[in-house]
Amino acid sequence: MAASCNQLRVLCERRLEDLNLVVLMIDGIHFGGQVLVVALGIAESGEKHVLGVWQGATENATVVKGLLEDLVDRGLDRQRRYLVVMDGSKALRAGVQTCFR
């Protein structure tokens, strides 16, 4: 368990500026009465990367905004244009629009 926690911490703290991402995929997953909002990135080379996971009681714009702001703090270029893939969730859309205006 401790090894898994450490691996998740390392994953969620690593820098992102060298990944050359072109696609962001964002989705919420219901797990044990909570929602995990997951961000995946696809680089120009086609390589996929787990970028971050945030936990919330619901899939809401605040959780999504927090996840995206964390990605930006870790080096995701807010000025770059990305293809953002998500389902029809209004919360996901609102979080993305807030972060990438």
PDB file of N, CA and C in Angstrom:
ATOM      1  N   MET A   1       0.823  -1.195   0.000  1.00  0.00           N
ATOM      2  CA  MET A   1       0.000   0.000   0.000  1.00  0.00           C
ATOM      3  C   MET A   1       0.873   1.267   0.000  1.00  0.00           C
ATOM      4  N   ALA A   2       1.911   1.283   0.831  1.00  0.00           N
ATOM      5  CA  ALA A   2       2.790   2.458   0.909  1.00  0.00           C
ATOM      6  C   ALA A   2       3.484   2.702  -0.420  1.00  0.00           C
ATOM      7  N   ALA A   3       3.885   1.620  -1.103  1.00  0.00           N
ATOM      8  CA  ALA A   3       4.548   1.767  -2.406  1.00  0.00           C
ATOM      9  C   ALA A   3       3.587   2.365  -3.419  1.00  0.00           C
ATOM     10  N   SER A   4       2.326   1.933  -3.403  1.00  0.00           N
ATOM     11  CA  SER A   4       1.328   2.470  -4.332  1.00  0.00           C
ATOM     12  C   SER A   4       1.070   3.945  -4.068  1.00  0.00           C
ATOM     13  N   CYS A   5       0.977   4.322  -2.796  1.00  0.00           N
ATOM     14  CA  CYS A   5       0.776   5.733  -2.439  1.00  0.00           C
ATOM     15  C   CYS A   5       1.940   6.583  -2.923  1.00  0.00           C
ATOM     16  N   ASN A   6       3.143   6.067  -2.767  1.00  0.00           N
ATOM     17  CA  ASN A   6       4.324   6.800  -3.212  1.00  0.00           C
ATOM     18  C   ASN A   6       4.337   6.956  -4.732  1.00  0.00           C
ATOM     19  N   GLN A   7       3.993   5.892  -5.456  1.00  0.00           N
ATOM     20  CA  GLN A   7       3.945   5.964  -6.920  1.00  0.00           C
ATOM     21  C   GLN A   7       2.900   6.971  -7.384  1.00  0.00           C
ATOM     22  N   LEU A   8       1.734   6.999  -6.733  1.00  0.00           N
ATOM     23  CA  LEU A   8       0.689   7.964  -7.091  1.00  0.00           C
ATOM     24  C   LEU A   8       1.167   9.382  -6.812  1.00  0.00           C
ATOM     25  N   ARG A   9       1.843   9.599  -5.677  1.00  0.00           N
ATOM     26  CA  ARG A   9       2.360  10.929  -5.345  1.00  0.00           C
ATOM     27  C   ARG A   9       3.358  11.391  -6.405  1.00  0.00           C
ATOM     28  N   VAL A  10       4.286  10.510  -6.782  1.00  0.00           N
ATOM     29  CA  VAL A  10       5.289  10.847  -7.805  1.00  0.00           C
ATOM     30  C   VAL A  10       4.596  11.179  -9.124  1.00  0.00           C
ATOM     31  N   LEU A  11       3.610  10.384  -9.520  1.00  0.00           N
ATOM     32  CA  LEU A  11       2.869  10.608 -10.759  1.00  0.00           C
ATOM     33  C   LEU A  11       2.177  11.972 -10.745  1.00  0.00           C
ATOM     34  N   CYS A  12       1.565  12.305  -9.619  1.00  0.00           N
ATOM     35  CA  CYS A  12       0.775  13.532  -9.542  1.00  0.00           C
ATOM     36  C   CYS A  12       1.598  14.774  -9.228  1.00  0.00           C
ATOM     37  N   GLU A  13       2.912  14.622  -9.042  1.00  0.00           N
ATOM     38  CA  GLU A  13       3.769  15.782  -8.789  1.00  0.00           C
ATOM     39  C   GLU A  13       4.783  16.033  -9.894  1.00  0.00           C
ATOM     40  N   ARG A  14       4.867  15.139 -10.872  1.00  0.00           N
ATOM     41  CA  ARG A  14       5.919  15.291 -11.880  1.00  0.00           C
ATOM     42  C   ARG A  14       5.643  16.473 -12.807  1.00  0.00           C
ATOM     43  N   ARG A  15       6.703  17.012 -13.359  1.00  0.00           N
ATOM     44  CA  ARG A  15       6.628  18.154 -14.272  1.00  0.00           C
ATOM     45  C   ARG A  15       6.095  17.698 -15.629  1.00  0.00           C
ATOM     46  N   LEU A  16       5.426  18.605 -16.337  1.00  0.00           N
ATOM     47  CA  LEU A  16       4.757  18.246 -17.593  1.00  0.00           C
ATOM     48  C   LEU A  16       5.266  18.989 -18.813  1.00  0.00           C
ATOM     49  N   GLU A  17       6.143  19.988 -18.647  1.00  0.00           N
ATOM     50  CA  GLU A  17       6.476  20.850 -19.780  1.00  0.00           C
ATOM     51  C   GLU A  17       7.174  20.147 -20.934  1.00  0.00           C
ATOM     52  N   ASP A  18       7.801  19.024 -20.709  1.00  0.00           N
ATOM     53  CA  ASP A  18       8.532  18.339 -21.783  1.00  0.00           C
ATOM     54  C   ASP A  18       7.717  17.263 -22.507  1.00  0.00           C
ATOM     55  N   LEU A  19       6.423  17.149 -22.208  1.00  0.00           N
ATOM     56  CA  LEU A  19       5.617  16.072 -22.802  1.00  0.00           C
ATOM     57  C   LEU A  19       5.112  16.384 -24.211  1.00  0.00           C
ATOM     58  N   ASN A  20       5.087  17.637 -24.636  1.00  0.00           N
ATOM     59  CA  ASN A  20       4.610  18.037 -25.963  1.00  0.00           C
ATOM     60  C   ASN A  20       3.206  17.487 -26.245  1.00  0.00           C
ATOM     61  N   LEU A  21       2.284  17.796 -25.342  1.00  0.00           N
ATOM     62  CA  LEU A  21       0.919  17.279 -25.433  1.00  0.00           C
ATOM     63  C   LEU A  21       0.096  18.012 -26.482  1.00  0.00           C
ATOM     64  N   VAL A  22      -0.777  17.269 -27.145  1.00  0.00           N
ATOM     65  CA  VAL A  22      -1.692  17.850 -28.125  1.00  0.00           C
ATOM     66  C   VAL A  22      -3.150  17.526 -27.793  1.00  0.00           C
ATOM     67  N   VAL A  23      -3.383  16.485 -26.988  1.00  0.00           N
ATOM     68  CA  VAL A  23      -4.742  16.072 -26.620  1.00  0.00           C
ATOM     69  C   VAL A  23      -4.827  15.933 -25.110  1.00  0.00           C
ATOM     70  N   LEU A  24      -5.911  16.449 -24.533  1.00  0.00           N
ATOM     71  CA  LEU A  24      -6.238  16.233 -23.130  1.00  0.00           C
ATOM     72  C   LEU A  24      -7.560  15.485 -23.069  1.00  0.00           C
ATOM     73  N   MET A  25      -7.585  14.401 -22.320  1.00  0.00           N
ATOM     74  CA  MET A  25      -8.812  13.640 -22.115  1.00  0.00           C
ATOM     75  C   MET A  25      -9.156  13.742 -20.633  1.00  0.00           C
ATOM     76  N   ILE A  26     -10.382  14.150 -20.325  1.00  0.00           N
ATOM     77  CA  ILE A  26     -10.788  14.368 -18.944  1.00  0.00           C
ATOM     78  C   ILE A  26     -12.103  13.643 -18.711  1.00  0.00           C
ATOM     79  N   ASP A  27     -12.161  12.888 -17.612  1.00  0.00           N
ATOM     80  CA  ASP A  27     -13.400  12.175 -17.302  1.00  0.00           C
ATOM     81  C   ASP A  27     -13.471  11.912 -15.811  1.00  0.00           C
ATOM     82  N   GLY A  28     -14.685  11.768 -15.324  1.00  0.00           N
ATOM     83  CA  GLY A  28     -14.917  11.419 -13.933  1.00  0.00           C
ATOM     84  C   GLY A  28     -15.286   9.950 -13.830  1.00  0.00           C
ATOM     85  N   ILE A  29     -14.761   9.304 -12.799  1.00  0.00           N
ATOM     86  CA  ILE A  29     -15.023   7.889 -12.558  1.00  0.00           C
ATOM     87  C   ILE A  29     -15.580   7.763 -11.146  1.00  0.00           C
ATOM     88  N   HIS A  30     -16.748   7.137 -11.012  1.00  0.00           N
ATOM     89  CA  HIS A  30     -17.333   6.907  -9.693  1.00  0.00           C
ATOM     90  C   HIS A  30     -16.652   5.699  -9.060  1.00  0.00           C
ATOM     91  N   PHE A  31     -16.176   5.890  -7.823  1.00  0.00           N
ATOM     92  CA  PHE A  31     -15.403   4.842  -7.161  1.00  0.00           C
ATOM     93  C   PHE A  31     -15.630   4.941  -5.654  1.00  0.00           C
ATOM     94  N   GLY A  32     -16.268   3.947  -5.080  1.00  0.00           N
ATOM     95  CA  GLY A  32     -16.458   3.904  -3.623  1.00  0.00           C
ATOM     96  C   GLY A  32     -17.174   5.099  -3.040  1.00  0.00           C
ATOM     97  N   GLY A  33     -18.214   5.583  -3.685  1.00  0.00           N
ATOM     98  CA  GLY A  33     -18.966   6.721  -3.173  1.00  0.00           C
ATOM     99  C   GLY A  33     -18.324   8.067  -3.433  1.00  0.00           C
ATOM    100  N   GLN A  34     -17.220   8.088  -4.120  1.00  0.00           N
ATOM    101  CA  GLN A  34     -16.523   9.321  -4.478  1.00  0.00           C
ATOM    102  C   GLN A  34     -16.394   9.384  -6.001  1.00  0.00           C
ATOM    103  N   VAL A  35     -15.968  10.525  -6.491  1.00  0.00           N
ATOM    104  CA  VAL A  35     -15.686  10.680  -7.915  1.00  0.00           C
ATOM    105  C   VAL A  35     -14.207  11.009  -8.062  1.00  0.00           C
ATOM    106  N   LEU A  36     -13.534  10.280  -8.931  1.00  0.00           N
ATOM    107  CA  LEU A  36     -12.150  10.578  -9.281  1.00  0.00           C
ATOM    108  C   LEU A  36     -12.171  11.214 -10.659  1.00  0.00           C
ATOM    109  N   VAL A  37     -11.675  12.431 -10.766  1.00  0.00           N
ATOM    110  CA  VAL A  37     -11.574  13.106 -12.062  1.00  0.00           C
ATOM    111  C   VAL A  37     -10.152  12.876 -12.555  1.00  0.00           C
ATOM    112  N   VAL A  38     -10.061  12.275 -13.732  1.00  0.00           N
ATOM    113  CA  VAL A  38      -8.786  11.842 -14.288  1.00  0.00           C
ATOM    114  C   VAL A  38      -8.466  12.652 -15.534  1.00  0.00           C
ATOM    115  N   ALA A  39      -7.209  13.071 -15.663  1.00  0.00           N
ATOM    116  CA  ALA A  39      -6.730  13.753 -16.869  1.00  0.00           C
ATOM    117  C   ALA A  39      -5.657  12.889 -17.519  1.00  0.00           C
ATOM    118  N   LEU A  40      -5.863  12.579 -18.783  1.00  0.00           N
ATOM    119  CA  LEU A  40      -4.880  11.859 -19.585  1.00  0.00           C
ATOM    120  C   LEU A  40      -4.418  12.786 -20.691  1.00  0.00           C
ATOM    121  N   GLY A  41      -3.167  12.663 -21.079  1.00  0.00           N
ATOM    122  CA  GLY A  41      -2.644  13.469 -22.176  1.00  0.00           C
ATOM    123  C   GLY A  41      -2.081  12.572 -23.257  1.00  0.00           C
ATOM    124  N   ILE A  42      -2.196  13.026 -24.492  1.00  0.00           N
ATOM    125  CA  ILE A  42      -1.577  12.327 -25.619  1.00  0.00           C
ATOM    126  C   ILE A  42      -0.593  13.294 -26.256  1.00  0.00           C
ATOM    127  N   ALA A  43       0.641  12.835 -26.349  1.00  0.00           N
ATOM    128  CA  ALA A  43       1.712  13.655 -26.909  1.00  0.00           C
ATOM    129  C   ALA A  43       1.663  13.609 -28.434  1.00  0.00           C
ATOM    130  N   GLU A  44       2.363  14.524 -29.049  1.00  0.00           N
ATOM    131  CA  GLU A  44       2.462  14.579 -30.504  1.00  0.00           C
ATOM    132  C   GLU A  44       2.950  13.246 -31.073  1.00  0.00           C
ATOM    133  N   SER A  45       3.785  12.528 -30.327  1.00  0.00           N
ATOM    134  CA  SER A  45       4.322  11.231 -30.757  1.00  0.00           C
ATOM    135  C   SER A  45       3.289  10.105 -30.661  1.00  0.00           C
ATOM    136  N   GLY A  46       2.134  10.371 -30.016  1.00  0.00           N
ATOM    137  CA  GLY A  46       1.109   9.352 -29.822  1.00  0.00           C
ATOM    138  C   GLY A  46       1.184   8.679 -28.466  1.00  0.00           C
ATOM    139  N   GLU A  47       2.222   8.979 -27.702  1.00  0.00           N
ATOM    140  CA  GLU A  47       2.383   8.380 -26.382  1.00  0.00           C
ATOM    141  C   GLU A  47       1.346   8.946 -25.409  1.00  0.00           C
ATOM    142  N   LYS A  48       0.742   8.056 -24.602  1.00  0.00           N
ATOM    143  CA  LYS A  48      -0.279   8.455 -23.634  1.00  0.00           C
ATOM    144  C   LYS A  48       0.349   8.616 -22.255  1.00  0.00           C
ATOM    145  N   HIS A  49      -0.148   9.619 -21.504  1.00  0.00           N
ATOM    146  CA  HIS A  49       0.372   9.917 -20.172  1.00  0.00           C
ATOM    147  C   HIS A  49      -0.784  10.175 -19.209  1.00  0.00           C
ATOM    148  N   VAL A  50      -0.760   9.539 -18.045  1.00  0.00           N
ATOM    149  CA  VAL A  50      -1.679   9.911 -16.968  1.00  0.00           C
ATOM    150  C   VAL A  50      -1.117  11.188 -16.378  1.00  0.00           C
ATOM    151  N   LEU A  51      -1.926  12.249 -16.378  1.00  0.00           N
ATOM    152  CA  LEU A  51      -1.443  13.550 -15.922  1.00  0.00           C
ATOM    153  C   LEU A  51      -1.813  13.844 -14.480  1.00  0.00           C
ATOM    154  N   GLY A  52      -3.001  13.412 -14.070  1.00  0.00           N
ATOM    155  CA  GLY A  52      -3.418  13.700 -12.708  1.00  0.00           C
ATOM    156  C   GLY A  52      -4.746  13.071 -12.378  1.00  0.00           C
ATOM    157  N   VAL A  53      -4.995  12.937 -11.088  1.00  0.00           N
ATOM    158  CA  VAL A  53      -6.239  12.395 -10.553  1.00  0.00           C
ATOM    159  C   VAL A  53      -6.638  13.252  -9.364  1.00  0.00           C
ATOM    160  N   TRP A  54      -7.866  13.753  -9.377  1.00  0.00           N
ATOM    161  CA  TRP A  54      -8.369  14.517  -8.234  1.00  0.00           C
ATOM    162  C   TRP A  54      -9.648  13.876  -7.736  1.00  0.00           C
ATOM    163  N   GLN A  55      -9.842  13.901  -6.426  1.00  0.00           N
ATOM    164  CA  GLN A  55     -10.987  13.283  -5.785  1.00  0.00           C
ATOM    165  C   GLN A  55     -11.985  14.340  -5.341  1.00  0.00           C
ATOM    166  N   GLY A  56     -13.266  14.016  -5.513  1.00  0.00           N
ATOM    167  CA  GLY A  56     -14.323  14.896  -5.039  1.00  0.00           C
ATOM    168  C   GLY A  56     -15.569  14.098  -4.723  1.00  0.00           C
ATOM    169  N   ALA A  57     -16.510  14.728  -4.061  1.00  0.00           N
ATOM    170  CA  ALA A  57     -17.769  14.056  -3.745  1.00  0.00           C
ATOM    171  C   ALA A  57     -18.630  13.909  -4.993  1.00  0.00           C
ATOM    172  N   THR A  58     -18.478  14.862  -5.923  1.00  0.00           N
ATOM    173  CA  THR A  58     -19.218  14.829  -7.181  1.00  0.00           C
ATOM    174  C   THR A  58     -18.298  15.315  -8.296  1.00  0.00           C
ATOM    175  N   GLU A  59     -18.727  15.087  -9.530  1.00  0.00           N
ATOM    176  CA  GLU A  59     -18.004  15.616 -10.688  1.00  0.00           C
ATOM    177  C   GLU A  59     -18.467  17.055 -10.865  1.00  0.00           C
ATOM    178  N   ASN A  60     -17.713  17.991 -10.310  1.00  0.00           N
ATOM    179  CA  ASN A  60     -18.139  19.385 -10.374  1.00  0.00           C
ATOM    180  C   ASN A  60     -17.032  20.268 -10.926  1.00  0.00           C
ATOM    181  N   ALA A  61     -17.398  21.479 -11.314  1.00  0.00           N
ATOM    182  CA  ALA A  61     -16.461  22.390 -11.970  1.00  0.00           C
ATOM    183  C   ALA A  61     -15.295  22.763 -11.054  1.00  0.00           C
ATOM    184  N   THR A  62     -15.519  22.819  -9.749  1.00  0.00           N
ATOM    185  CA  THR A  62     -14.456  23.169  -8.815  1.00  0.00           C
ATOM    186  C   THR A  62     -13.363  22.106  -8.805  1.00  0.00           C
ATOM    187  N   VAL A  63     -13.755  20.841  -8.797  1.00  0.00           N
ATOM    188  CA  VAL A  63     -12.780  19.743  -8.816  1.00  0.00           C
ATOM    189  C   VAL A  63     -12.002  19.754 -10.130  1.00  0.00           C
ATOM    190  N   VAL A  64     -12.712  19.919 -11.242  1.00  0.00           N
ATOM    191  CA  VAL A  64     -12.059  19.940 -12.560  1.00  0.00           C
ATOM    192  C   VAL A  64     -11.110  21.125 -12.658  1.00  0.00           C
ATOM    193  N   LYS A  65     -11.556  22.284 -12.212  1.00  0.00           N
ATOM    194  CA  LYS A  65     -10.704  23.477 -12.242  1.00  0.00           C
ATOM    195  C   LYS A  65      -9.459  23.262 -11.386  1.00  0.00           C
ATOM    196  N   GLY A  66      -9.614  22.656 -10.212  1.00  0.00           N
ATOM    197  CA  GLY A  66      -8.469  22.372  -9.351  1.00  0.00           C
ATOM    198  C   GLY A  66      -7.465  21.442 -10.017  1.00  0.00           C
ATOM    199  N   LEU A  67      -7.972  20.406 -10.666  1.00  0.00           N
ATOM    200  CA  LEU A  67      -7.102  19.466 -11.382  1.00  0.00           C
ATOM    201  C   LEU A  67      -6.348  20.184 -12.495  1.00  0.00           C
ATOM    202  N   LEU A  68      -7.060  20.960 -13.306  1.00  0.00           N
ATOM    203  CA  LEU A  68      -6.423  21.645 -14.433  1.00  0.00           C
ATOM    204  C   LEU A  68      -5.426  22.699 -13.967  1.00  0.00           C
ATOM    205  N   GLU A  69      -5.750  23.427 -12.916  1.00  0.00           N
ATOM    206  CA  GLU A  69      -4.810  24.427 -12.396  1.00  0.00           C
ATOM    207  C   GLU A  69      -3.557  23.758 -11.851  1.00  0.00           C
ATOM    208  N   ASP A  70      -3.712  22.574 -11.251  1.00  0.00           N
ATOM    209  CA  ASP A  70      -2.549  21.820 -10.803  1.00  0.00           C
ATOM    210  C   ASP A  70      -1.676  21.424 -11.988  1.00  0.00           C
ATOM    211  N   LEU A  71      -2.291  20.995 -13.089  1.00  0.00           N
ATOM    212  CA  LEU A  71      -1.530  20.626 -14.286  1.00  0.00           C
ATOM    213  C   LEU A  71      -0.765  21.828 -14.833  1.00  0.00           C
ATOM    214  N   VAL A  72      -1.409  22.981 -14.841  1.00  0.00           N
ATOM    215  CA  VAL A  72      -0.750  24.208 -15.304  1.00  0.00           C
ATOM    216  C   VAL A  72       0.414  24.555 -14.374  1.00  0.00           C
ATOM    217  N   ASP A  73       0.203  24.440 -13.068  1.00  0.00           N
ATOM    218  CA  ASP A  73       1.283  24.708 -12.107  1.00  0.00           C
ATOM    219  C   ASP A  73       2.468  23.774 -12.318  1.00  0.00           C
ATOM    220  N   ARG A  74       2.201  22.568 -12.833  1.00  0.00           N
ATOM    221  CA  ARG A  74       3.276  21.590 -13.058  1.00  0.00           C
ATOM    222  C   ARG A  74       3.861  21.679 -14.464  1.00  0.00           C
ATOM    223  N   GLY A  75       3.415  22.661 -15.269  1.00  0.00           N
ATOM    224  CA  GLY A  75       4.071  22.898 -16.548  1.00  0.00           C
ATOM    225  C   GLY A  75       3.218  22.763 -17.790  1.00  0.00           C
ATOM    226  N   LEU A  76       1.933  22.435 -17.651  1.00  0.00           N
ATOM    227  CA  LEU A  76       1.053  22.388 -18.823  1.00  0.00           C
ATOM    228  C   LEU A  76       0.885  23.813 -19.351  1.00  0.00           C
ATOM    229  N   ASP A  77       1.144  24.014 -20.634  1.00  0.00           N
ATOM    230  CA  ASP A  77       1.104  25.347 -21.236  1.00  0.00           C
ATOM    231  C   ASP A  77      -0.340  25.775 -21.468  1.00  0.00           C
ATOM    232  N   ARG A  78      -0.787  26.748 -20.696  1.00  0.00           N
ATOM    233  CA  ARG A  78      -2.168  27.242 -20.790  1.00  0.00           C
ATOM    234  C   ARG A  78      -2.428  27.947 -22.127  1.00  0.00           C
ATOM    235  N   GLN A  79      -1.385  28.465 -22.768  1.00  0.00           N
ATOM    236  CA  GLN A  79      -1.548  29.205 -24.015  1.00  0.00           C
ATOM    237  C   GLN A  79      -1.593  28.304 -25.251  1.00  0.00           C
ATOM    238  N   ARG A  80      -1.161  27.063 -25.101  1.00  0.00           N
ATOM    239  CA  ARG A  80      -1.166  26.132 -26.232  1.00  0.00           C
ATOM    240  C   ARG A  80      -2.586  25.656 -26.511  1.00  0.00           C
ATOM    241  N   ARG A  81      -2.865  25.369 -27.765  1.00  0.00           N
ATOM    242  CA  ARG A  81      -4.179  24.831 -28.136  1.00  0.00           C
ATOM    243  C   ARG A  81      -4.136  23.316 -28.039  1.00  0.00           C
ATOM    244  N   TYR A  82      -5.150  22.736 -27.378  1.00  0.00           N
ATOM    245  CA  TYR A  82      -5.268  21.297 -27.214  1.00  0.00           C
ATOM    246  C   TYR A  82      -6.610  20.841 -27.758  1.00  0.00           C
ATOM    247  N   LEU A  83      -6.653  19.619 -28.222  1.00  0.00           N
ATOM    248  CA  LEU A  83      -7.928  18.961 -28.467  1.00  0.00           C
ATOM    249  C   LEU A  83      -8.339  18.398 -27.118  1.00  0.00           C
ATOM    250  N   VAL A  84      -9.441  18.888 -26.559  1.00  0.00           N
ATOM    251  CA  VAL A  84      -9.906  18.426 -25.257  1.00  0.00           C
ATOM    252  C   VAL A  84     -11.081  17.484 -25.487  1.00  0.00           C
ATOM    253  N   VAL A  85     -10.928  16.253 -24.996  1.00  0.00           N
ATOM    254  CA  VAL A  85     -11.948  15.226 -25.169  1.00  0.00           C
ATOM    255  C   VAL A  85     -12.592  14.960 -23.815  1.00  0.00           C
ATOM    256  N   MET A  86     -13.922  15.074 -23.772  1.00  0.00           N
ATOM    257  CA  MET A  86     -14.668  14.801 -22.543  1.00  0.00           C
ATOM    258  C   MET A  86     -16.089  14.407 -22.915  1.00  0.00           C
ATOM    259  N   ASP A  87     -16.826  13.875 -21.953  1.00  0.00           N
ATOM    260  CA  ASP A  87     -18.213  13.536 -22.223  1.00  0.00           C
ATOM    261  C   ASP A  87     -19.063  14.806 -22.150  1.00  0.00           C
ATOM    262  N   GLY A  88     -20.357  14.673 -22.086  1.00  0.00           N
ATOM    263  CA  GLY A  88     -21.250  15.828 -22.100  1.00  0.00           C
ATOM    264  C   GLY A  88     -21.428  16.517 -20.760  1.00  0.00           C
ATOM    265  N   SER A  89     -20.595  16.197 -19.780  1.00  0.00           N
ATOM    266  CA  SER A  89     -20.729  16.773 -18.447  1.00  0.00           C
ATOM    267  C   SER A  89     -20.561  18.295 -18.481  1.00  0.00           C
ATOM    268  N   LYS A  90     -21.555  18.989 -17.959  1.00  0.00           N
ATOM    269  CA  LYS A  90     -21.475  20.452 -17.886  1.00  0.00           C
ATOM    270  C   LYS A  90     -20.356  20.892 -16.945  1.00  0.00           C
ATOM    271  N   ALA A  91     -20.113  20.103 -15.882  1.00  0.00           N
ATOM    272  CA  ALA A  91     -19.062  20.440 -14.924  1.00  0.00           C
ATOM    273  C   ALA A  91     -17.683  20.372 -15.574  1.00  0.00           C
ATOM    274  N   LEU A  92     -17.444  19.332 -16.373  1.00  0.00           N
ATOM    275  CA  LEU A  92     -16.155  19.218 -17.060  1.00  0.00           C
ATOM    276  C   LEU A  92     -15.965  20.389 -18.011  1.00  0.00           C
ATOM    277  N   ARG A  93     -17.005  20.684 -18.766  1.00  0.00           N
ATOM    278  CA  ARG A  93     -16.923  21.788 -19.729  1.00  0.00           C
ATOM    279  C   ARG A  93     -16.656  23.118 -19.031  1.00  0.00           C
ATOM    280  N   ALA A  94     -17.353  23.371 -17.933  1.00  0.00           N
ATOM    281  CA  ALA A  94     -17.162  24.627 -17.208  1.00  0.00           C
ATOM    282  C   ALA A  94     -15.737  24.734 -16.651  1.00  0.00           C
ATOM    283  N   GLY A  95     -15.214  23.648 -16.120  1.00  0.00           N
ATOM    284  CA  GLY A  95     -13.848  23.667 -15.593  1.00  0.00           C
ATOM    285  C   GLY A  95     -12.826  23.943 -16.677  1.00  0.00           C
ATOM    286  N   VAL A  96     -12.987  23.311 -17.829  1.00  0.00           N
ATOM    287  CA  VAL A  96     -12.064  23.528 -18.954  1.00  0.00           C
ATOM    288  C   VAL A  96     -12.162  24.963 -19.456  1.00  0.00           C
ATOM    289  N   GLN A  97     -13.383  25.467 -19.607  1.00  0.00           N
ATOM    290  CA  GLN A  97     -13.544  26.833 -20.100  1.00  0.00           C
ATOM    291  C   GLN A  97     -12.950  27.843 -19.133  1.00  0.00           C
ATOM    292  N   THR A  98     -13.081  27.615 -17.844  1.00  0.00           N
ATOM    293  CA  THR A  98     -12.524  28.519 -16.849  1.00  0.00           C
ATOM    294  C   THR A  98     -10.998  28.545 -16.913  1.00  0.00           C
ATOM    295  N   CYS A  99     -10.403  27.377 -17.074  1.00  0.00           N
ATOM    296  CA  CYS A  99      -8.946  27.269 -17.039  1.00  0.00           C
ATOM    297  C   CYS A  99      -8.278  27.710 -18.342  1.00  0.00           C
ATOM    298  N   PHE A 100      -8.939  27.495 -19.470  1.00  0.00           N
ATOM    299  CA  PHE A 100      -8.305  27.754 -20.773  1.00  0.00           C
ATOM    300  C   PHE A 100      -8.938  28.884 -21.550  1.00  0.00           C
ATOM    301  N   ARG A 101      -9.394  29.911 -20.896  1.00  0.00           N
ATOM    302  CA  ARG A 101      -9.965  31.082 -21.599  1.00  0.00           C
ATOM    303  C   ARG A 101      -8.895  31.890 -22.228  1.00  0.00           C
TER     304      ARG A 101
END
